[in-house]
Protein backbone atom coordinates (compact mmCIF):
# COMPACT_ATOMS: atom_id res chain seq x y z
CA MET A 1 62.18 14.38 -125.88
CA THR A 2 59.66 16.58 -124.67
CA SER A 3 59.56 20.43 -124.51
CA THR A 4 60.65 20.10 -120.74
CA ASP A 5 63.56 17.90 -121.81
CA LEU A 6 64.64 20.68 -124.24
CA LEU A 7 64.31 23.52 -121.94
CA VAL A 8 66.22 21.64 -119.26
CA ASP A 9 68.91 20.72 -121.76
CA ALA A 10 69.14 24.47 -123.00
CA PHE A 11 69.51 25.97 -119.49
CA GLY A 12 72.03 23.13 -118.80
CA ARG A 13 74.37 24.47 -121.57
CA VAL A 14 74.07 27.82 -120.24
CA ARG A 15 75.33 26.63 -116.80
CA GLU A 16 78.14 24.58 -118.45
CA GLU A 17 79.17 27.78 -120.21
CA VAL A 18 79.00 29.99 -117.10
CA HIS A 19 81.16 27.56 -115.20
CA ALA A 20 83.66 27.41 -118.64
CA ALA A 21 83.77 31.14 -118.50
CA LEU A 22 84.59 31.60 -114.61
CA ASP A 23 86.94 28.77 -114.36
CA GLY A 24 90.07 29.87 -112.59
CA LEU A 25 89.60 33.56 -112.82
CA THR A 26 90.67 36.02 -110.04
CA PRO A 27 88.30 38.64 -108.54
CA ASP A 28 90.61 41.23 -110.90
CA ASP A 29 90.00 38.98 -113.89
CA LEU A 30 86.42 39.15 -113.31
CA ALA A 31 86.37 42.91 -112.71
CA HIS A 32 88.49 43.63 -115.76
CA ARG A 33 86.98 45.94 -118.47
CA VAL A 34 88.50 46.40 -121.87
CA ASN A 35 87.46 50.15 -121.40
CA ASP A 36 85.55 52.14 -118.93
CA LYS A 37 82.23 51.70 -120.73
CA ALA A 38 82.47 47.95 -121.46
CA ASN A 39 80.96 45.13 -119.00
CA SER A 40 83.21 42.76 -117.11
CA ILE A 41 83.01 39.02 -117.16
CA GLY A 42 81.71 39.32 -113.38
CA TRP A 43 78.92 41.70 -114.24
CA LEU A 44 77.78 39.36 -117.32
CA ILE A 45 77.44 36.37 -115.23
CA TRP A 46 75.99 38.27 -112.38
CA HIS A 47 73.29 40.07 -114.63
CA LEU A 48 72.30 36.88 -116.43
CA THR A 49 72.04 35.16 -113.63
CA ARG A 50 69.91 37.82 -112.00
CA VAL A 51 67.68 37.97 -114.99
CA GLN A 52 67.11 34.44 -115.26
CA ASP A 53 66.51 34.28 -111.47
CA ASP A 54 64.11 37.26 -111.57
CA HIS A 55 62.12 36.08 -114.63
CA ILE A 56 61.74 32.44 -113.67
CA ALA A 57 60.70 33.27 -110.13
CA ASP A 58 58.11 35.61 -111.54
CA ALA A 59 56.94 32.98 -113.87
CA ALA A 60 56.77 30.42 -111.27
CA GLY A 61 55.39 32.60 -108.82
CA THR A 62 58.16 32.07 -106.31
CA ALA A 63 60.55 34.08 -104.51
CA GLN A 64 64.20 34.69 -106.10
CA VAL A 65 66.86 32.67 -105.06
CA TRP A 66 69.02 35.98 -104.79
CA ILE A 67 66.73 37.27 -102.05
CA GLU A 68 65.39 34.03 -100.50
CA GLU A 69 68.78 32.06 -100.16
CA GLY A 70 70.65 34.92 -99.40
CA TRP A 71 72.95 35.40 -102.35
CA ALA A 72 72.47 39.29 -102.06
CA GLU A 73 74.08 39.32 -98.74
CA ARG A 74 77.00 36.82 -99.85
CA LEU A 75 77.62 38.92 -102.76
CA GLY A 76 77.50 42.09 -100.72
CA LEU A 77 77.14 44.39 -103.86
CA PRO A 78 76.54 48.10 -103.36
CA LEU A 79 73.03 47.94 -105.31
CA ALA A 80 69.50 47.59 -104.59
CA GLU A 81 68.35 43.93 -103.89
CA THR A 82 65.93 44.00 -106.61
CA ASP A 83 68.51 45.42 -109.17
CA THR A 84 69.15 42.82 -111.94
CA GLY A 85 71.72 44.94 -113.99
CA TYR A 86 69.15 46.00 -116.71
CA GLY A 87 70.06 49.47 -117.98
CA HIS A 88 73.24 49.59 -115.76
CA THR A 89 75.64 52.75 -116.40
CA ALA A 90 79.47 52.07 -116.42
CA ASP A 91 79.39 53.22 -112.62
CA GLN A 92 77.15 50.50 -111.48
CA VAL A 93 78.83 48.01 -113.91
CA ALA A 94 82.23 48.73 -111.91
CA LYS A 95 80.49 47.99 -108.76
CA VAL A 96 79.93 44.47 -109.52
CA ARG A 97 82.69 42.79 -107.86
CA SER A 98 82.82 39.09 -106.69
CA THR A 99 84.57 35.79 -106.67
CA ALA A 100 84.18 33.19 -109.47
CA ASP A 101 83.00 30.85 -106.56
CA LEU A 102 80.07 32.85 -105.21
CA LEU A 103 79.23 33.71 -108.72
CA ALA A 104 78.81 30.14 -109.84
CA GLY A 105 77.32 29.35 -106.52
CA TYR A 106 74.57 31.77 -107.18
CA HIS A 107 74.26 30.58 -110.65
CA ASP A 108 74.01 26.95 -109.54
CA ALA A 109 71.29 27.91 -107.10
CA THR A 110 69.27 29.43 -109.77
CA HIS A 111 69.81 26.89 -112.31
CA GLU A 112 68.65 24.16 -109.46
CA GLN A 113 65.54 26.48 -108.96
CA THR A 114 64.88 26.79 -112.78
CA VAL A 115 65.04 23.10 -113.59
CA GLY A 116 62.77 22.38 -110.71
CA TYR A 117 60.30 24.82 -112.29
CA LEU A 118 60.45 23.50 -115.57
CA GLU A 119 60.06 19.96 -114.54
CA THR A 120 56.45 21.03 -113.35
CA LEU A 121 55.29 22.35 -116.59
CA THR A 122 53.31 20.80 -119.31
CA ASP A 123 52.99 21.78 -122.74
CA GLU A 124 49.67 23.40 -122.11
CA ASP A 125 51.65 25.63 -119.75
CA HIS A 126 53.55 27.33 -122.26
CA ALA A 127 50.73 29.42 -123.53
CA ARG A 128 49.92 30.82 -120.37
CA VAL A 129 50.40 34.90 -120.57
CA VAL A 130 52.94 35.98 -118.07
CA ASP A 131 53.71 39.49 -119.05
CA THR A 132 50.78 41.85 -120.67
CA ALA A 133 52.74 44.93 -120.73
CA TRP A 134 53.90 43.88 -124.39
CA ASP A 135 51.80 43.67 -127.62
CA PRO A 136 51.13 40.68 -128.21
CA PRO A 137 51.51 39.83 -124.39
CA VAL A 138 54.24 37.53 -123.51
CA THR A 139 53.83 33.41 -122.95
CA LEU A 140 55.56 31.68 -120.88
CA ALA A 141 57.10 29.72 -124.06
CA VAL A 142 58.33 33.03 -125.31
CA ARG A 143 59.54 34.29 -121.83
CA LEU A 144 61.85 31.17 -121.23
CA ILE A 145 63.12 31.18 -124.87
CA SER A 146 63.94 34.80 -124.33
CA VAL A 147 65.83 33.91 -120.80
CA ILE A 148 67.91 31.22 -122.59
CA SER A 149 68.70 33.80 -125.48
CA ASP A 150 69.82 36.69 -123.26
CA ASP A 151 71.92 34.24 -120.96
CA LEU A 152 73.57 32.46 -123.94
CA GLN A 153 74.43 36.23 -125.55
CA HIS A 154 75.59 37.21 -122.33
CA VAL A 155 77.88 33.95 -121.48
CA GLY A 156 79.18 34.28 -125.02
CA GLN A 157 80.39 37.59 -124.34
CA ALA A 158 81.95 36.66 -121.11
CA ALA A 159 83.71 33.85 -122.93
CA PHE A 160 84.81 36.65 -125.47
CA LEU A 161 86.27 38.67 -122.75
CA ARG A 162 87.80 35.50 -121.24
CA GLY A 163 89.77 35.00 -124.28
CA LEU A 164 91.04 38.60 -124.45
CA LEU A 165 92.55 37.99 -120.70
CA GLY A 166 94.36 35.01 -122.55
CA ARG A 167 92.71 32.67 -120.12
């Protein structure tokens, strides 16, 4: 198994868990928050997908699926087109309302672009610095693992919230 195989498998597991978290939920289920400061399932799935889309597009030097494929318009959220949810206030979290089908569709499109990019990589590519704003600078390998880690944390939170809904 190659490093690309491992990365594709990891992102595939994220995708599976995103679909499991969304399956059969209504827009009200997706927007439910356990209190007025908590994240919702819909926000968590949107945010993890936005971060993946943003970070992978940046590393690959490509456009984000959110913008390029029209997902920003389809979801129609009252947020800036470049917003990824990082640092959102409780009021901003409440603005993220959608359907399970739209969130899953956006995640699938982002997953497809992610896998397409991963399949172009060699082991040597992983050492390339993709972000010099940190000390030490962030390599592609570190960025990819960071995105996987963040995605899995957020989809786990969404699964927990789904359980609280009794679904």
